[in-house]
Structures are given as C-alpha cells and as structure tokens.
Amino acid sequence: MIYQLRILKGLLYSKRSFFQLEKAETVYGLRANILILFFISALVFYASGFAGIGTHVMSSELTAVPDSTFEWLKNYFGLGRFIHGLVYAVLIIFFQALWFWTLTDIPYTKLIVLQTFIFPILLLEQIINIVLAVQMDLPWFSSAFSLGPVAHYITDKRFLIYFLGSISLFKLWVISIQLYGMRILSTRRRLPSFIIIISIHIIFWLGTTFLAFLDFKKIL
C-alpha cells in the first residue's frame, strides 16, 4: 500500500491517516513536505529575530556601534535565527523520530511522518509567541498558553519559571497526537509509549530551560 503524505489531512483526520500509514509499505511526498517545513521553520525563526526577540543579549552594546555595523549585526543575528529554525526542525523531526525508533518497533520513516504531523503545531506556537512578544511585550515563558504564569505565582525561581513556561497547551497537543499515533503504529502498550514520549519532551524542556537560564552576556 502507498501512503501519500498530506500534513493537514494528517492533523484533521488523524485516525484515518495513522491507520493508512500503519498499513503502508511506501510513503510518497515525504521529502517535499520536509523541505517545506524546514523552510517555514527557518522563516518563522528569522521573523522572530527581525522582531528583535532574543536581541536583549546584546542590546546594551548595539547602541554604541556605528549605523553600518549595526545593520551588519542585525543581518548577522537574522541569519543566526534562520539557521536556528533549521536546527530546530532537525531536532523535532529527525532527532525525536530517532529517539522513538530506538525504543519502539516502528519503522523510522513512519516516525518521521508522525513528526511532520506535529511540527506545524510547534511552529504555530512560535508564531503566537512572536505576536505576544511584539504586541504585549510578553516573553515566551509568560505566555497564557503555558504554565509560566502559574509559575510566576508560586515561585520566584527563574529555573522553575522557565521549565514550567516550556510546558504549554501546544506541547500537550503534540504529546496527545504522538501517543495516539504510536498506539496505532506500535505493538507497545499505552504506558510504555507515554514514558518514551514524555521522556524526550522533558529532555527538550530542560534544554530550553538551561539555555534560557544561562547569562549569555557574561559568556559573550
């Protein structure tokens, strides 16, 4: 059986898509869809750099440089965010799929398809965070869609605030799709599948927290 990858269809009709994917021997359209997702991811992260998100690390130094140097630094920062978007896509689509493949009996290609279904959700979260930052001056860890606001009320520990801010409704949506897909594609029971999925997300949340917690001004 041949499975034609359509990401939007996979999100809207997950049950049908996963059952078709489970029976498929060949997947068509995977490479083209991945390239599109990579390009969109790079554009989203470039837009965040263009909006000034993340420039607080060097904002105090930018006021002291000439205009020509400032434009060069701005373009350099935008390029860095563009590359960041590509790396982010690699980690979500390929690295998470590799993690699942190592711990389950699901073919790697089908796990990549699963990751292409959830990746647009994470990009949507990035876009919303950009809008919140520009319109309301809210950092990502204070988004109303995350546990960040709750963390602000219960603690003043930055590490815990960043960690809880990494957990959002979008991430829970992603986890639910991954769990549902793995339940159809794998012979494993639901609890082991949940542990496999939540473990990689905890690693990502801790990584995001650690990077946010670092004082890059001192490092640079």
Protein backbone atom coordinates (compact mmCIF):
# COMPACT_ATOMS: atom_id res chain seq x y z
CA MET A 1 0.00 0.00 0.00
CA ILE A 2 1.19 3.50 -0.87
CA TYR A 3 0.71 6.38 1.59
CA GLN A 4 0.60 9.91 0.16
CA LEU A 5 1.73 12.34 2.85
CA ARG A 6 -0.60 15.28 3.39
CA ILE A 7 0.22 17.04 6.65
CA LEU A 8 -3.03 18.98 7.03
CA LYS A 9 -5.03 15.83 6.38
CA GLY A 10 -2.92 14.03 8.98
CA LEU A 11 -3.84 16.64 11.57
CA LEU A 12 -7.53 16.86 10.74
CA TYR A 13 -8.12 13.15 10.17
CA SER A 14 -5.53 11.59 12.44
CA LYS A 15 -7.28 8.26 12.96
CA ARG A 16 -7.69 7.54 9.25
CA SER A 17 -4.19 8.80 8.44
CA PHE A 18 -2.46 6.67 11.07
CA PHE A 19 -4.35 3.53 10.08
CA GLN A 20 -3.38 4.11 6.44
CA LEU A 21 0.21 4.81 7.46
CA GLU A 22 0.36 1.65 9.57
CA LYS A 23 -0.54 -0.49 6.52
CA ALA A 24 1.65 1.45 4.07
CA GLU A 25 4.77 -0.03 2.51
CA THR A 26 5.83 3.15 0.74
CA VAL A 27 5.45 6.83 1.66
CA TYR A 28 5.25 9.40 -1.13
CA GLY A 29 5.79 13.13 -0.75
CA LEU A 30 7.90 12.91 2.42
CA ARG A 31 10.97 14.74 1.14
CA ALA A 32 8.99 17.61 -0.41
CA ASN A 33 6.92 18.13 2.74
CA ILE A 34 10.01 18.07 4.95
CA LEU A 35 11.71 20.70 2.78
CA ILE A 36 8.64 22.91 3.04
CA LEU A 37 8.54 22.52 6.83
CA PHE A 38 12.25 23.33 7.08
CA PHE A 39 11.79 26.49 5.01
CA ILE A 40 8.77 27.64 7.03
CA SER A 41 10.60 26.94 10.29
CA ALA A 42 13.59 28.99 9.16
CA LEU A 43 11.30 31.87 8.13
CA VAL A 44 9.44 31.81 11.45
CA PHE A 45 12.66 31.98 13.45
CA TYR A 46 14.04 34.66 11.12
CA ALA A 47 10.86 36.67 11.73
CA SER A 48 11.42 36.39 15.48
CA GLY A 49 14.92 37.79 15.02
CA PHE A 50 13.59 40.55 12.76
CA ALA A 51 11.10 41.42 15.52
CA GLY A 52 14.00 41.78 17.95
CA ILE A 53 13.24 38.70 20.02
CA GLY A 54 16.44 37.49 21.63
CA THR A 55 18.43 40.66 20.98
CA HIS A 56 18.36 41.53 24.70
CA VAL A 57 21.61 39.58 24.96
CA MET A 58 23.49 42.29 23.07
CA SER A 59 21.06 45.23 23.17
CA SER A 60 23.23 47.29 25.52
CA GLU A 61 26.17 47.03 23.12
CA LEU A 62 24.17 47.86 19.98
CA THR A 63 23.59 51.48 20.97
CA ALA A 64 27.32 52.14 20.95
CA VAL A 65 28.12 50.85 17.45
CA PRO A 66 28.00 52.83 14.17
CA ASP A 67 24.95 52.52 11.92
CA SER A 68 26.81 50.43 9.33
CA THR A 69 27.98 47.99 11.99
CA PHE A 70 24.50 47.91 13.50
CA GLU A 71 22.97 46.85 10.16
CA TRP A 72 25.61 44.18 9.75
CA LEU A 73 24.98 42.83 13.24
CA LYS A 74 21.22 42.84 12.65
CA ASN A 75 21.62 40.82 9.45
CA TYR A 76 24.07 38.51 11.20
CA PHE A 77 21.57 37.94 14.01
CA GLY A 78 18.79 37.29 11.50
CA LEU A 79 20.96 34.71 9.74
CA GLY A 80 21.61 33.06 13.09
CA ARG A 81 17.88 32.83 13.77
CA PHE A 82 17.33 31.43 10.26
CA ILE A 83 19.86 28.67 10.98
CA HIS A 84 18.26 28.18 14.41
CA GLY A 85 14.99 27.42 12.64
CA LEU A 86 16.67 24.75 10.53
CA VAL A 87 18.33 23.17 13.57
CA TYR A 88 15.01 23.23 15.42
CA ALA A 89 13.37 21.34 12.54
CA VAL A 90 16.15 18.75 12.56
CA LEU A 91 15.76 18.16 16.29
CA ILE A 92 11.99 17.86 16.21
CA ILE A 93 11.55 15.86 13.02
CA PHE A 94 14.66 13.69 12.86
CA PHE A 95 16.09 13.52 16.37
CA GLN A 96 12.78 12.83 18.12
CA ALA A 97 11.93 10.25 15.44
CA LEU A 98 15.32 8.62 16.06
CA TRP A 99 14.61 8.51 19.80
CA PHE A 100 11.25 6.82 19.19
CA TRP A 101 12.76 4.41 16.62
CA THR A 102 15.44 3.33 19.11
CA LEU A 103 12.85 2.49 21.77
CA THR A 104 9.96 1.13 19.70
CA ASP A 105 9.27 -1.30 16.85
CA ILE A 106 8.02 1.41 14.45
CA PRO A 107 9.92 1.99 11.16
CA TYR A 108 11.93 5.22 11.14
CA THR A 109 10.20 6.59 8.03
CA LYS A 110 6.77 6.28 9.63
CA LEU A 111 8.04 8.05 12.75
CA ILE A 112 9.27 10.91 10.60
CA VAL A 113 5.78 11.13 9.09
CA LEU A 114 4.38 11.30 12.63
CA GLN A 115 6.75 14.16 13.41
CA THR A 116 5.71 16.07 10.29
CA PHE A 117 2.15 15.98 11.62
CA ILE A 118 3.08 17.61 14.94
CA PHE A 119 5.72 20.06 13.70
CA PRO A 120 3.22 22.67 12.37
CA ILE A 121 1.69 22.81 15.87
CA LEU A 122 5.06 23.80 17.32
CA LEU A 123 5.54 26.39 14.58
CA LEU A 124 2.11 27.81 15.39
CA GLU A 125 3.23 28.16 19.00
CA GLN A 126 6.35 30.00 17.85
CA ILE A 127 4.25 32.40 15.77
CA ILE A 128 1.89 33.10 18.67
CA ASN A 129 4.88 33.74 20.95
CA ILE A 130 6.21 36.25 18.41
CA VAL A 131 2.85 38.05 18.31
CA LEU A 132 2.66 38.13 22.13
CA ALA A 133 6.20 39.46 22.37
CA VAL A 134 5.61 42.21 19.81
CA GLN A 135 2.09 43.25 20.80
CA MET A 136 2.17 42.71 24.58
CA ASP A 137 5.90 42.53 25.35
CA LEU A 138 5.41 39.05 26.84
CA PRO A 139 8.36 36.62 26.82
CA TRP A 140 7.69 33.04 25.75
CA PHE A 141 7.74 31.75 29.33
CA SER A 142 4.92 34.13 30.28
CA SER A 143 2.56 33.03 27.53
CA ALA A 144 -1.03 32.47 28.63
CA PHE A 145 -0.88 29.15 26.76
CA SER A 146 1.86 27.81 29.06
CA LEU A 147 2.31 27.10 32.76
CA GLY A 148 4.62 30.11 33.01
CA PRO A 149 2.01 32.49 34.52
CA VAL A 150 1.22 29.86 37.15
CA ALA A 151 4.92 29.53 37.92
CA HIS A 152 5.18 33.29 38.49
CA TYR A 153 2.57 33.00 41.24
CA ILE A 154 4.07 30.02 43.06
CA THR A 155 7.79 30.78 42.89
CA ASP A 156 10.42 33.37 42.06
CA LYS A 157 12.96 30.75 40.99
CA ARG A 158 13.85 31.53 37.40
CA PHE A 159 14.77 27.94 36.55
CA LEU A 160 11.35 26.64 37.61
CA ILE A 161 9.59 29.51 35.82
CA TYR A 162 11.43 28.73 32.58
CA PHE A 163 10.77 25.00 32.94
CA LEU A 164 7.03 25.39 33.55
CA GLY A 165 6.93 28.03 30.82
CA SER A 166 8.22 25.39 28.42
CA ILE A 167 5.12 23.28 29.08
CA SER A 168 2.24 24.62 27.02
CA LEU A 169 -1.11 23.59 25.59
CA PHE A 170 0.60 23.20 22.24
CA LYS A 171 3.13 20.75 23.71
CA LEU A 172 0.30 18.75 25.31
CA TRP A 173 -1.48 18.72 21.95
CA VAL A 174 1.69 17.38 20.34
CA ILE A 175 2.10 14.69 23.02
CA SER A 176 -1.51 13.55 22.56
CA ILE A 177 -1.02 13.13 18.78
CA GLN A 178 2.28 11.32 19.24
CA LEU A 179 0.72 8.99 21.80
CA TYR A 180 -2.28 8.30 19.58
CA GLY A 181 -0.09 7.68 16.53
CA MET A 182 2.30 5.43 18.41
CA ARG A 183 -0.60 3.43 19.81
CA ILE A 184 -1.69 2.62 16.24
CA LEU A 185 1.76 2.18 14.69
CA SER A 186 3.33 0.17 17.52
CA THR A 187 2.53 -3.04 19.35
CA ARG A 188 3.59 -1.50 22.65
CA ARG A 189 1.08 -0.72 25.34
CA ARG A 190 -0.01 2.82 26.11
CA LEU A 191 2.03 3.34 29.31
CA PRO A 192 5.44 2.42 27.83
CA SER A 193 4.67 4.59 24.80
CA PHE A 194 3.74 7.50 27.07
CA ILE A 195 7.01 7.13 29.03
CA ILE A 196 9.02 7.11 25.78
CA ILE A 197 7.25 10.23 24.51
CA ILE A 198 7.24 12.24 27.73
CA SER A 199 10.91 11.47 28.37
CA ILE A 200 12.10 13.17 25.18
CA HIS A 201 9.85 16.15 25.87
CA ILE A 202 11.27 16.51 29.38
CA ILE A 203 14.76 16.49 27.87
CA PHE A 204 13.73 19.26 25.46
CA TRP A 205 12.05 21.26 28.24
CA LEU A 206 15.18 21.00 30.40
CA GLY A 207 17.34 22.01 27.43
CA THR A 208 15.17 25.07 26.76
CA THR A 209 15.24 25.95 30.46
CA PHE A 210 19.01 25.62 30.66
CA LEU A 211 19.57 27.85 27.61
CA ALA A 212 17.15 30.47 28.98
CA PHE A 213 18.82 30.32 32.39
CA LEU A 214 22.32 30.95 31.02
CA ASP A 215 23.62 34.51 31.18
CA PHE A 216 24.91 34.94 27.64
CA LYS A 217 26.06 38.48 28.36
CA LYS A 218 28.72 37.09 30.68
CA ILE A 219 29.59 34.28 28.29
CA LEU A 220 29.93 36.63 25.31
